[in-house]
C-alpha atoms as a PDB file:
ATOM      1  CA  MET A   1      -2.259 -17.072 -41.548  1.00  0.00           C
ATOM      2  CA  LYS A   2      -2.203 -13.360 -40.749  1.00  0.00           C
ATOM      3  CA  THR A   3      -1.045 -12.373 -37.279  1.00  0.00           C
ATOM      4  CA  CYS A   4      -1.677  -9.218 -35.344  1.00  0.00           C
ATOM      5  CA  THR A   5      -0.378  -8.195 -31.934  1.00  0.00           C
ATOM      6  CA  ILE A   6      -0.896  -5.258 -29.644  1.00  0.00           C
ATOM      7  CA  ASN A   7       2.195  -3.503 -28.340  1.00  0.00           C
ATOM      8  CA  VAL A   8       2.675  -2.111 -24.823  1.00  0.00           C
ATOM      9  CA  ASN A   9       1.203   1.244 -25.874  1.00  0.00           C
ATOM     10  CA  GLY A  10      -2.009  -0.461 -26.976  1.00  0.00           C
ATOM     11  CA  GLN A  11      -1.366  -0.015 -30.705  1.00  0.00           C
ATOM     12  CA  LEU A  12      -1.950  -2.765 -33.251  1.00  0.00           C
ATOM     13  CA  ASN A  13       1.091  -4.140 -35.019  1.00  0.00           C
ATOM     14  CA  PRO A  14      -0.144  -6.316 -37.910  1.00  0.00           C
ATOM     15  CA  SER A  15       3.293  -7.467 -39.074  1.00  0.00           C
ATOM     16  CA  ALA A  16       4.707  -8.625 -35.740  1.00  0.00           C
ATOM     17  CA  PRO A  17       4.710 -12.354 -35.086  1.00  0.00           C
ATOM     18  CA  ALA A  18       2.147 -13.326 -32.471  1.00  0.00           C
ATOM     19  CA  ASN A  19       3.819 -15.540 -29.946  1.00  0.00           C
ATOM     20  CA  ILE A  20       3.909 -15.662 -26.212  1.00  0.00           C
ATOM     21  CA  TYR A  21       7.564 -14.625 -26.050  1.00  0.00           C
ATOM     22  CA  SER A  22       6.864 -11.259 -27.672  1.00  0.00           C
ATOM     23  CA  LEU A  23       4.293 -10.262 -25.057  1.00  0.00           C
ATOM     24  CA  PRO A  24       5.352  -8.098 -22.105  1.00  0.00           C
ATOM     25  CA  ARG A  25       5.930 -10.039 -18.902  1.00  0.00           C
ATOM     26  CA  PHE A  26       5.403  -8.763 -15.371  1.00  0.00           C
ATOM     27  CA  ARG A  27       6.636  -9.901 -11.990  1.00  0.00           C
ATOM     28  CA  VAL A  28       5.078  -8.914  -8.681  1.00  0.00           C
ATOM     29  CA  SER A  29       7.003  -9.128  -5.443  1.00  0.00           C
ATOM     30  CA  LEU A  30       6.244  -8.346  -1.840  1.00  0.00           C
ATOM     31  CA  VAL A  31       8.703  -6.025  -0.137  1.00  0.00           C
ATOM     32  CA  ARG A  32       8.927  -5.812   3.642  1.00  0.00           C
ATOM     33  CA  GLU A  33       9.321  -2.149   4.562  1.00  0.00           C
ATOM     34  CA  ASN A  34      10.525  -2.747   8.106  1.00  0.00           C
ATOM     35  CA  ARG A  35      11.590  -5.576  10.335  1.00  0.00           C
ATOM     36  CA  ALA A  36       9.491  -4.637  13.352  1.00  0.00           C
ATOM     37  CA  ALA A  37       8.150  -7.785  14.941  1.00  0.00           C
ATOM     38  CA  ALA A  38       4.387  -8.134  14.865  1.00  0.00           C
ATOM     39  CA  PRO A  39       2.670  -9.319  18.034  1.00  0.00           C
ATOM     40  CA  SER A  40       2.810 -13.103  18.131  1.00  0.00           C
ATOM     41  CA  LEU A  41      -0.427 -13.510  20.069  1.00  0.00           C
ATOM     42  CA  PRO A  42      -3.537 -14.300  18.048  1.00  0.00           C
ATOM     43  CA  ILE A  43      -6.137 -11.590  17.590  1.00  0.00           C
ATOM     44  CA  SER A  44      -9.252 -13.025  19.186  1.00  0.00           C
ATOM     45  CA  THR A  45     -11.450  -9.981  19.875  1.00  0.00           C
ATOM     46  CA  SER A  46     -12.410  -6.752  18.167  1.00  0.00           C
ATOM     47  CA  VAL A  47     -11.065  -4.839  21.171  1.00  0.00           C
ATOM     48  CA  THR A  48      -7.613  -6.360  20.640  1.00  0.00           C
ATOM     49  CA  ALA A  49      -7.756  -5.683  16.899  1.00  0.00           C
ATOM     50  CA  ALA A  50      -8.861  -2.072  17.398  1.00  0.00           C
ATOM     51  CA  ALA A  51      -6.109  -1.473  19.963  1.00  0.00           C
ATOM     52  CA  LEU A  52      -3.466  -2.842  17.577  1.00  0.00           C
ATOM     53  CA  LEU A  53      -4.755  -0.887  14.570  1.00  0.00           C
ATOM     54  CA  ALA A  54      -5.545   2.430  16.305  1.00  0.00           C
ATOM     55  CA  PRO A  55      -1.966   3.781  15.974  1.00  0.00           C
ATOM     56  CA  CYS A  56      -2.352   3.592  12.163  1.00  0.00           C
ATOM     57  CA  PHE A  57      -4.966   6.337  12.411  1.00  0.00           C
ATOM     58  CA  LYS A  58      -3.415   8.616  15.030  1.00  0.00           C
ATOM     59  CA  GLY A  59      -3.363  12.191  13.779  1.00  0.00           C
ATOM     60  CA  ILE A  60      -4.972  11.306  10.443  1.00  0.00           C
ATOM     61  CA  ASP A  61      -7.387  14.023   9.266  1.00  0.00           C
ATOM     62  CA  ARG A  62      -8.923  12.052   6.403  1.00  0.00           C
ATOM     63  CA  GLU A  63     -10.337   8.587   5.907  1.00  0.00           C
ATOM     64  CA  GLN A  64      -7.771   5.837   5.620  1.00  0.00           C
ATOM     65  CA  PHE A  65      -8.505   2.163   4.963  1.00  0.00           C
ATOM     66  CA  VAL A  66      -6.074  -0.540   6.094  1.00  0.00           C
ATOM     67  CA  ILE A  67      -6.045  -4.310   5.829  1.00  0.00           C
ATOM     68  CA  CYS A  68      -4.314  -6.575   8.305  1.00  0.00           C
ATOM     69  CA  GLY A  69      -3.292 -10.036   7.082  1.00  0.00           C
ATOM     70  CA  LEU A  70      -3.384 -12.925   9.531  1.00  0.00           C
ATOM     71  CA  ASP A  71      -1.915 -16.413   9.505  1.00  0.00           C
ATOM     72  CA  THR A  72      -3.807 -19.632  10.277  1.00  0.00           C
ATOM     73  CA  LYS A  73      -3.562 -18.917  14.016  1.00  0.00           C
ATOM     74  CA  HIS A  74      -4.836 -15.350  13.482  1.00  0.00           C
ATOM     75  CA  ARG A  75      -1.477 -13.750  14.225  1.00  0.00           C
ATOM     76  CA  ILE A  76      -0.546 -10.623  12.285  1.00  0.00           C
ATOM     77  CA  ILE A  77       1.704 -11.250   9.291  1.00  0.00           C
ATOM     78  CA  GLY A  78       1.317  -7.915   7.538  1.00  0.00           C
ATOM     79  CA  LEU A  79      -0.459  -4.594   7.301  1.00  0.00           C
ATOM     80  CA  ASN A  80      -1.237  -2.593   4.178  1.00  0.00           C
ATOM     81  CA  ILE A  81      -2.708   0.866   3.678  1.00  0.00           C
ATOM     82  CA  VAL A  82      -5.230   0.272   0.909  1.00  0.00           C
ATOM     83  CA  SER A  83      -6.558   3.783   0.479  1.00  0.00           C
ATOM     84  CA  VAL A  84      -6.192   7.313   1.783  1.00  0.00           C
ATOM     85  CA  GLY A  85      -9.239   9.359   0.947  1.00  0.00           C
ATOM     86  CA  SER A  86     -10.818  12.662   1.836  1.00  0.00           C
ATOM     87  CA  LEU A  87     -12.564  13.955   4.931  1.00  0.00           C
ATOM     88  CA  THR A  88     -15.690  11.899   4.272  1.00  0.00           C
ATOM     89  CA  LEU A  89     -14.751   8.977   2.043  1.00  0.00           C
ATOM     90  CA  SER A  90     -12.063   6.598   0.952  1.00  0.00           C
ATOM     91  CA  ILE A  91     -12.376   4.709  -2.323  1.00  0.00           C
ATOM     92  CA  VAL A  92     -11.860   1.011  -1.708  1.00  0.00           C
ATOM     93  CA  HIS A  93     -12.125  -1.827  -4.224  1.00  0.00           C
ATOM     94  CA  PRO A  94     -11.969  -5.532  -3.269  1.00  0.00           C
ATOM     95  CA  ARG A  95      -9.181  -6.081  -5.810  1.00  0.00           C
ATOM     96  CA  GLU A  96      -6.931  -3.612  -3.972  1.00  0.00           C
ATOM     97  CA  VAL A  97      -7.855  -5.092  -0.590  1.00  0.00           C
ATOM     98  CA  PHE A  98      -7.069  -8.700  -1.479  1.00  0.00           C
ATOM     99  CA  LYS A  99      -3.958  -8.168  -3.619  1.00  0.00           C
ATOM    100  CA  PRO A 100      -1.615  -7.646  -0.624  1.00  0.00           C
ATOM    101  CA  LEU A 101      -3.367 -10.405   1.332  1.00  0.00           C
ATOM    102  CA  ILE A 102      -2.708 -12.895  -1.462  1.00  0.00           C
ATOM    103  CA  LEU A 103       0.921 -11.766  -1.733  1.00  0.00           C
ATOM    104  CA  MET A 104       1.492 -12.226   2.011  1.00  0.00           C
ATOM    105  CA  ASN A 105      -0.234 -15.653   1.994  1.00  0.00           C
ATOM    106  CA  ALA A 106      -2.847 -14.506   4.487  1.00  0.00           C
ATOM    107  CA  CYS A 107      -5.445 -16.989   5.677  1.00  0.00           C
ATOM    108  CA  ALA A 108      -7.670 -14.363   7.289  1.00  0.00           C
ATOM    109  CA  ALA A 109      -7.934 -10.595   7.492  1.00  0.00           C
ATOM    110  CA  ILE A 110      -9.274  -7.709   9.506  1.00  0.00           C
ATOM    111  CA  CYS A 111      -9.949  -4.424   7.788  1.00  0.00           C
ATOM    112  CA  ALA A 112     -10.285  -1.074   9.479  1.00  0.00           C
ATOM    113  CA  HIS A 113     -10.870   2.524   8.618  1.00  0.00           C
ATOM    114  CA  ASN A 114     -11.434   5.730  10.490  1.00  0.00           C
ATOM    115  CA  HIS A 115     -14.222   8.278  10.486  1.00  0.00           C
ATOM    116  CA  PRO A 116     -12.569  11.687  10.986  1.00  0.00           C
ATOM    117  CA  SER A 117     -15.961  13.052  12.080  1.00  0.00           C
ATOM    118  CA  GLY A 118     -15.495  11.019  15.258  1.00  0.00           C
ATOM    119  CA  ASP A 119     -18.691   8.981  14.826  1.00  0.00           C
ATOM    120  CA  PRO A 120     -17.826   5.332  14.080  1.00  0.00           C
ATOM    121  CA  ASP A 121     -21.355   4.279  13.118  1.00  0.00           C
ATOM    122  CA  PRO A 122     -21.209   2.679   9.654  1.00  0.00           C
ATOM    123  CA  SER A 123     -22.603   4.434   6.607  1.00  0.00           C
ATOM    124  CA  SER A 124     -24.637   2.586   4.001  1.00  0.00           C
ATOM    125  CA  GLU A 125     -21.483   2.557   1.834  1.00  0.00           C
ATOM    126  CA  ASP A 126     -19.546   0.921   4.689  1.00  0.00           C
ATOM    127  CA  ARG A 127     -22.193  -1.814   4.902  1.00  0.00           C
ATOM    128  CA  VAL A 128     -22.157  -2.466   1.151  1.00  0.00           C
ATOM    129  CA  LEU A 129     -18.354  -2.567   1.057  1.00  0.00           C
ATOM    130  CA  THR A 130     -18.224  -4.971   3.995  1.00  0.00           C
ATOM    131  CA  ALA A 131     -20.671  -7.336   2.285  1.00  0.00           C
ATOM    132  CA  ARG A 132     -18.585  -7.248  -0.925  1.00  0.00           C
ATOM    133  CA  LEU A 133     -15.352  -7.885   0.960  1.00  0.00           C
ATOM    134  CA  ARG A 134     -16.848 -10.840   2.822  1.00  0.00           C
ATOM    135  CA  GLN A 135     -18.071 -12.358  -0.463  1.00  0.00           C
ATOM    136  CA  ALA A 136     -14.727 -11.800  -2.185  1.00  0.00           C
ATOM    137  CA  GLY A 137     -12.893 -13.293   0.779  1.00  0.00           C
ATOM    138  CA  GLU A 138     -15.072 -16.392   0.719  1.00  0.00           C
ATOM    139  CA  LEU A 139     -14.347 -16.839  -2.978  1.00  0.00           C
ATOM    140  CA  LEU A 140     -10.589 -16.460  -2.435  1.00  0.00           C
ATOM    141  CA  GLY A 141     -10.393 -18.517   0.754  1.00  0.00           C
ATOM    142  CA  ILE A 142      -9.381 -15.543   2.906  1.00  0.00           C
ATOM    143  CA  THR A 143     -11.808 -15.103   5.793  1.00  0.00           C
ATOM    144  CA  LEU A 144     -12.696 -11.529   6.692  1.00  0.00           C
ATOM    145  CA  LEU A 145     -12.871 -11.747  10.486  1.00  0.00           C
ATOM    146  CA  ASP A 146     -13.974  -8.170  11.102  1.00  0.00           C
ATOM    147  CA  HIS A 147     -14.327  -4.683   9.713  1.00  0.00           C
ATOM    148  CA  ILE A 148     -13.613  -2.113  12.392  1.00  0.00           C
ATOM    149  CA  ILE A 149     -14.455   1.579  12.165  1.00  0.00           C
ATOM    150  CA  LEU A 150     -12.522   3.839  14.506  1.00  0.00           C
ATOM    151  CA  GLY A 151     -14.076   7.069  15.734  1.00  0.00           C
ATOM    152  CA  GLU A 152     -13.050   9.740  18.209  1.00  0.00           C
ATOM    153  CA  ASP A 153     -13.503   7.773  21.422  1.00  0.00           C
ATOM    154  CA  ARG A 154     -15.188   4.541  20.402  1.00  0.00           C
ATOM    155  CA  THR A 155     -15.119   1.887  17.696  1.00  0.00           C
ATOM    156  CA  TYR A 156     -17.649  -0.087  15.702  1.00  0.00           C
ATOM    157  CA  SER A 157     -17.096  -3.774  14.924  1.00  0.00           C
ATOM    158  CA  PHE A 158     -19.165  -5.424  12.215  1.00  0.00           C
ATOM    159  CA  ALA A 159     -18.415  -8.843  13.730  1.00  0.00           C
ATOM    160  CA  ASP A 160     -19.605  -7.734  17.181  1.00  0.00           C
ATOM    161  CA  HIS A 161     -22.838  -6.489  15.601  1.00  0.00           C
ATOM    162  CA  SER A 162     -23.481  -9.786  13.752  1.00  0.00           C
ATOM    163  CA  TRP A 163     -22.425  -8.397  10.365  1.00  0.00           C
ATOM    164  CA  PRO A 164     -25.343  -6.036   9.601  1.00  0.00           C
ATOM    165  CA  CYS A 165     -24.472  -5.591   5.946  1.00  0.00           C
ATOM    166  CA  ALA A 166     -26.557  -4.381   3.028  1.00  0.00           C
END
């Protein structure tokens, strides 16, 4: 039987034995960057969530997308900056949103991003992304409780607006 493997550089190596021990192995770990205590009270409203997440966007001149992982009682267990974009957009993929949530064993999540223009009304892209994130969360068993958009002096909550997604 002829064997053929692919090395780490993506090149075929027809003479190498094909076994599981010769394949590269990877390990992923979650590293806590600081020991600051998260609020122990559950997040029960979009106003509370927006107030807690607003400091993440203070002084930011471009779009930034963050995800906040919550435990079973909806208390914050972690926060991750998923994407930092440009003045008008931030590229966000469900895979990058849910990876840190899975690693922190989150049961639920709230995502948020800013609109540097100051207007928090959602774009069509925001609506499509929110629908995709809700579907992905349902599949993974991580409930997306809200998607909050922060503007200059007001916020928009998808949950408060009955999830008007695409």
